[in-house]
N, C-alpha and C. Protein backbone atom coordinates (compact mmCIF):
# COMPACT_ATOMS: atom_id res chain seq x y z
N UNK A 1 -19.52 -18.67 19.65
CA UNK A 1 -18.48 -17.52 19.42
C UNK A 1 -19.15 -16.70 20.69
N UNK A 2 -18.79 -16.60 22.02
CA UNK A 2 -19.07 -16.58 23.34
C UNK A 2 -18.85 -14.32 22.68
N UNK A 3 -17.47 -14.23 22.91
CA UNK A 3 -17.53 -12.38 22.67
C UNK A 3 -16.29 -11.88 20.79
N UNK A 4 -16.74 -11.24 21.20
CA UNK A 4 -15.27 -10.81 19.31
C UNK A 4 -16.79 -10.45 18.85
N UNK A 5 -16.87 -10.54 16.78
CA UNK A 5 -16.71 -9.86 15.79
C UNK A 5 -17.06 -11.26 15.04
N UNK A 6 -18.42 -11.52 14.66
CA UNK A 6 -17.77 -12.14 13.33
C UNK A 6 -18.91 -11.94 12.26
N UNK A 7 -18.49 -12.42 10.65
CA UNK A 7 -19.09 -12.28 9.54
C UNK A 7 -19.13 -13.27 9.31
N UNK A 8 -20.16 -13.76 7.95
CA UNK A 8 -20.32 -14.71 7.04
C UNK A 8 -21.24 -14.61 5.65
N UNK A 9 -20.30 -14.95 4.58
CA UNK A 9 -20.61 -15.14 3.60
C UNK A 9 -22.64 -15.19 3.25
N UNK A 10 -22.64 -15.14 1.91
CA UNK A 10 -23.92 -15.42 1.74
C UNK A 10 -24.62 -16.75 1.87
N UNK A 11 -23.82 -17.45 1.61
CA UNK A 11 -24.09 -19.09 1.80
C UNK A 11 -24.13 -19.43 3.85
N UNK A 12 -23.42 -18.15 4.34
CA UNK A 12 -23.52 -18.38 6.56
C UNK A 12 -22.31 -19.33 6.81
N UNK A 13 -21.32 -18.95 5.42
CA UNK A 13 -19.53 -19.63 6.45
C UNK A 13 -19.30 -18.80 6.88
N UNK A 14 -18.47 -18.91 7.69
CA UNK A 14 -18.11 -17.55 8.70
C UNK A 14 -16.39 -17.67 7.56
N UNK A 15 -16.22 -15.67 7.62
CA UNK A 15 -15.53 -15.38 6.57
C UNK A 15 -14.65 -14.35 7.19
N UNK A 16 -14.55 -14.59 8.68
CA UNK A 16 -13.65 -13.53 9.30
C UNK A 16 -12.38 -13.73 10.20
N UNK A 17 -11.26 -13.48 8.93
CA UNK A 17 -9.82 -13.60 9.11
C UNK A 17 -9.48 -13.18 10.59
N UNK A 18 -9.85 -11.86 10.59
CA UNK A 18 -9.40 -11.10 10.99
C UNK A 18 -7.86 -10.35 11.17
N UNK A 19 -7.28 -10.16 11.65
CA UNK A 19 -6.14 -8.65 11.48
C UNK A 19 -5.17 -9.14 10.61
N UNK A 20 -4.89 -9.09 9.31
CA UNK A 20 -3.89 -10.18 8.27
C UNK A 20 -2.36 -9.39 9.27
N UNK A 21 -1.43 -10.14 10.38
CA UNK A 21 -0.29 -9.86 10.13
C UNK A 21 0.48 -9.83 9.02
N UNK A 22 1.36 -8.04 8.98
CA UNK A 22 2.35 -8.24 8.50
C UNK A 22 3.73 -6.96 8.89
N UNK A 23 4.47 -7.55 8.81
CA UNK A 23 5.75 -6.46 8.93
C UNK A 23 5.91 -5.58 8.36
N UNK A 24 6.34 -4.63 9.17
CA UNK A 24 7.19 -2.93 8.10
C UNK A 24 8.26 -2.95 7.68
N UNK A 25 8.50 -3.07 6.45
CA UNK A 25 9.57 -2.58 5.59
C UNK A 25 10.73 -1.50 6.34
N UNK A 26 9.61 -0.83 6.01
CA UNK A 26 10.34 0.32 5.27
C UNK A 26 9.64 1.66 5.53
N UNK A 27 10.03 2.64 5.45
CA UNK A 27 9.30 3.28 4.45
C UNK A 27 9.86 4.65 3.94
N UNK A 28 8.70 4.87 2.53
CA UNK A 28 9.04 6.10 1.74
C UNK A 28 8.96 7.72 1.45
N UNK A 29 9.10 8.52 1.83
CA UNK A 29 8.88 10.40 2.02
C UNK A 29 8.59 10.20 0.47
N UNK A 30 7.68 11.00 0.21
CA UNK A 30 7.73 11.50 -1.79
C UNK A 30 7.83 13.63 -0.46
N UNK A 31 8.23 13.66 -1.94
CA UNK A 31 8.34 15.42 -1.56
C UNK A 31 7.13 16.08 -2.45
N UNK A 32 6.91 17.19 -2.07
CA UNK A 32 4.86 17.83 -3.01
C UNK A 32 5.22 17.69 -4.95
N UNK A 33 5.41 17.39 -5.45
CA UNK A 33 5.25 17.08 -7.32
C UNK A 33 5.93 15.89 -6.99
N UNK A 34 7.02 15.29 -6.45
CA UNK A 34 7.38 13.99 -7.06
C UNK A 34 6.54 13.19 -7.27
N UNK A 35 6.98 12.27 -8.51
CA UNK A 35 6.47 11.47 -9.37
C UNK A 35 6.61 10.55 -9.82
N UNK A 36 8.13 10.50 -9.41
CA UNK A 36 8.90 9.18 -9.81
C UNK A 36 9.60 8.70 -8.52
N UNK A 37 10.37 7.63 -9.38
CA UNK A 37 11.89 7.25 -7.67
C UNK A 37 11.09 5.41 -8.53
N UNK A 38 12.13 4.46 -7.11
CA UNK A 38 12.11 3.02 -7.42
C UNK A 38 13.24 3.01 -5.92
N UNK A 39 12.56 2.10 -4.95
CA UNK A 39 12.56 1.70 -3.70
C UNK A 39 12.87 -0.26 -3.44
N UNK A 40 14.23 -0.55 -3.44
CA UNK A 40 14.30 -1.74 -3.41
C UNK A 40 14.15 -2.00 -1.69
N UNK A 41 13.61 -3.61 -1.52
CA UNK A 41 13.72 -3.45 -0.30
C UNK A 41 13.84 -5.37 0.36
N UNK A 42 14.40 -6.00 1.18
CA UNK A 42 14.61 -7.34 1.81
C UNK A 42 13.51 -7.75 1.40
N UNK A 43 13.00 -9.17 0.71
CA UNK A 43 11.32 -9.22 0.87
C UNK A 43 11.94 -11.26 0.98
N UNK A 44 11.04 -11.70 2.70
CA UNK A 44 11.85 -12.64 3.05
C UNK A 44 11.01 -14.01 1.91
N UNK A 45 11.80 -14.87 1.86
CA UNK A 45 10.91 -16.69 0.48
C UNK A 45 9.06 -16.41 1.76
N UNK A 46 8.31 -16.63 0.17
CA UNK A 46 7.14 -16.30 0.35
C UNK A 46 5.99 -15.93 1.78
N UNK A 47 6.71 -14.21 0.93
CA UNK A 47 5.52 -13.22 1.77
C UNK A 47 5.99 -12.23 -0.24
N UNK A 48 5.05 -10.80 0.12
CA UNK A 48 4.83 -10.24 -1.04
C UNK A 48 4.99 -8.76 -0.54
N UNK A 49 5.53 -7.83 -0.79
CA UNK A 49 5.89 -6.58 -0.33
C UNK A 49 3.96 -5.59 -0.90
N UNK A 50 3.64 -4.59 -0.80
CA UNK A 50 2.51 -4.22 -0.39
C UNK A 50 3.19 -2.74 0.57
N UNK A 51 2.29 -1.68 0.13
CA UNK A 51 2.08 -0.31 0.74
C UNK A 51 1.04 0.50 1.59
N UNK A 52 1.49 1.51 2.12
CA UNK A 52 -0.42 2.11 2.44
C UNK A 52 0.82 3.82 1.74
N UNK A 53 -0.05 4.80 1.00
CA UNK A 53 0.03 5.96 1.22
C UNK A 53 -0.74 7.11 2.01
N UNK A 54 0.28 7.61 3.13
CA UNK A 54 -0.40 8.51 3.99
C UNK A 54 0.07 9.78 3.28
N UNK A 55 -1.39 10.61 2.87
CA UNK A 55 -1.61 12.24 2.66
C UNK A 55 -0.88 12.92 3.21
N UNK A 56 0.12 13.93 2.88
CA UNK A 56 0.68 15.26 4.13
C UNK A 56 -0.10 16.34 4.15
N UNK A 57 -0.68 16.00 3.09
CA UNK A 57 -1.84 17.65 2.66
C UNK A 57 -2.78 17.51 2.40
N UNK A 58 -4.40 17.97 2.07
CA UNK A 58 -4.88 18.12 2.62
C UNK A 58 -5.56 18.62 0.68
N UNK A 59 -4.46 19.53 0.31
CA UNK A 59 -4.59 20.38 -1.45
C UNK A 59 -4.15 19.16 -2.75
N UNK A 60 -5.03 19.56 -3.23
CA UNK A 60 -4.42 18.48 -4.54
C UNK A 60 -3.84 18.96 -5.94
N UNK A 61 -2.88 18.65 -5.63
CA UNK A 61 -1.58 18.50 -6.69
C UNK A 61 -1.75 18.48 -7.87
N UNK A 62 -1.40 19.54 -8.63
CA UNK A 62 -1.87 19.24 -10.31
C UNK A 62 -1.65 17.99 -10.65
N UNK A 63 0.08 17.38 -10.61
CA UNK A 63 0.52 16.26 -11.19
C UNK A 63 -0.01 15.41 -10.20
N UNK A 64 -0.30 13.99 -11.15
CA UNK A 64 -0.55 12.56 -10.67
C UNK A 64 0.65 11.43 -10.49
N UNK A 65 0.75 10.56 -9.93
CA UNK A 65 1.62 9.84 -9.94
C UNK A 65 0.71 8.17 -10.13
N UNK A 66 1.50 6.86 -10.53
CA UNK A 66 0.32 5.56 -10.10
C UNK A 66 1.93 5.08 -9.42
N UNK A 67 1.79 4.45 -7.88
CA UNK A 67 2.38 3.69 -7.35
C UNK A 67 1.97 2.19 -7.45
N UNK A 68 3.02 1.20 -7.20
CA UNK A 68 2.66 0.29 -7.32
C UNK A 68 4.03 -1.05 -7.58
N UNK A 69 3.38 -1.58 -6.89
CA UNK A 69 4.53 -2.91 -6.70
C UNK A 69 5.52 -4.24 -7.74
N UNK A 70 6.75 -4.00 -7.50
CA UNK A 70 6.78 -5.32 -9.25
C UNK A 70 8.21 -5.63 -7.89
N UNK A 71 7.36 -7.18 -7.64
CA UNK A 71 8.19 -7.64 -7.47
C UNK A 71 9.61 -7.00 -5.98
N UNK A 72 10.29 -6.40 -5.51
CA UNK A 72 10.78 -6.19 -3.96
C UNK A 72 11.18 -4.76 -4.43
N UNK A 73 10.40 -4.17 -5.53
CA UNK A 73 10.72 -2.54 -5.15
C UNK A 73 9.64 -2.41 -5.63
N UNK A 74 9.41 -0.73 -4.99
CA UNK A 74 7.74 -0.17 -4.56
C UNK A 74 8.52 1.12 -5.77
N UNK A 75 7.65 1.26 -7.24
CA UNK A 75 7.73 2.06 -8.36
C UNK A 75 6.48 3.27 -8.67
N UNK A 76 6.78 4.61 -8.41
CA UNK A 76 6.64 5.80 -7.97
C UNK A 76 6.30 6.19 -9.50
N UNK A 77 5.74 6.52 -10.72
CA UNK A 77 5.79 7.11 -11.99
C UNK A 77 4.52 7.79 -12.27
N UNK A 78 5.46 8.87 -12.86
CA UNK A 78 3.82 10.00 -13.65
C UNK A 78 3.23 9.43 -13.82
N UNK A 79 1.81 9.60 -14.06
CA UNK A 79 0.62 9.63 -15.43
C UNK A 79 -0.32 9.41 -14.41
N UNK A 80 -1.79 8.92 -15.33
CA UNK A 80 -3.43 9.14 -14.09
C UNK A 80 -3.63 7.42 -14.97
N UNK A 81 -2.64 6.60 -15.62
CA UNK A 81 -3.18 5.37 -15.52
C UNK A 81 -2.80 3.88 -14.78
N UNK A 82 -3.10 3.21 -14.41
CA UNK A 82 -3.07 2.32 -13.42
C UNK A 82 -3.77 1.80 -12.18
N UNK A 83 -3.56 1.33 -11.31
CA UNK A 83 -4.46 0.78 -10.16
C UNK A 83 -4.20 1.61 -9.29
N UNK A 84 -3.48 2.69 -8.53
CA UNK A 84 -2.95 2.96 -8.21
C UNK A 84 -2.63 4.63 -8.71
N UNK A 85 -3.77 5.71 -8.68
CA UNK A 85 -3.23 6.43 -9.15
C UNK A 85 -3.43 7.91 -8.00
N UNK A 86 -2.52 8.41 -7.79
CA UNK A 86 -2.94 9.40 -5.85
C UNK A 86 -2.05 10.70 -7.46
N UNK A 87 -2.78 11.92 -5.92
CA UNK A 87 -1.84 13.34 -6.49
C UNK A 87 -0.36 13.36 -5.37
N UNK A 88 0.18 14.30 -6.82
CA UNK A 88 1.27 14.45 -5.94
C UNK A 88 1.54 15.31 -5.21
N UNK A 89 1.03 15.17 -4.14
CA UNK A 89 0.91 15.74 -3.12
C UNK A 89 1.95 15.18 -2.02
N UNK A 90 2.49 15.64 -1.00
CA UNK A 90 3.52 15.18 0.33
C UNK A 90 2.75 14.44 0.54
N UNK A 91 3.69 12.62 0.64
CA UNK A 91 2.95 11.69 1.61
C UNK A 91 4.19 10.78 1.51
N UNK A 92 3.80 10.46 2.92
CA UNK A 92 4.72 8.66 3.46
C UNK A 92 3.58 7.54 3.25
N UNK A 93 5.02 7.13 2.78
CA UNK A 93 4.29 5.27 1.92
C UNK A 93 4.94 4.46 3.14
N UNK A 94 3.93 3.49 3.70
CA UNK A 94 4.43 3.00 4.38
C UNK A 94 4.64 1.10 3.09
N UNK A 95 5.97 0.84 3.69
CA UNK A 95 5.81 -0.41 3.14
C UNK A 95 5.75 -1.83 4.25
N UNK A 96 5.38 -2.87 3.30
CA UNK A 96 5.31 -4.17 4.22
C UNK A 96 5.25 -5.39 3.93
N UNK A 97 5.71 -6.38 4.62
CA UNK A 97 4.73 -7.45 3.52
C UNK A 97 4.53 -8.10 4.52
N UNK A 98 3.83 -9.49 3.48
CA UNK A 98 3.19 -9.87 4.52
C UNK A 98 2.92 -12.07 3.75
N UNK A 99 2.28 -13.12 4.71
CA UNK A 99 2.77 -14.19 4.37
C UNK A 99 1.83 -14.23 2.61
N UNK A 100 2.78 -15.06 1.26
CA UNK A 100 1.93 -14.74 0.20
C UNK A 100 1.00 -15.16 -0.04
């Protein structure tokens, strides 16, 4: 490679896959203290839904929420158990889909 970035695994195999292309499906605005809701999106066959949460405040709101994907739906629910727990601060959630 003449230019760019290269990375390798422990055996010396190239594992730089570059930037993974995604398509934005929409966005969700979460209010301060909001810890529940569900939003459905059209997901093309062979793709999966994902999300990125962007907090809009630096304070830690006392309530927590768990955000997860189930099929073509983003689900927010109250609680402190799950894979993606955040404080229930005001936030924007960017929803995207990518090739499975």
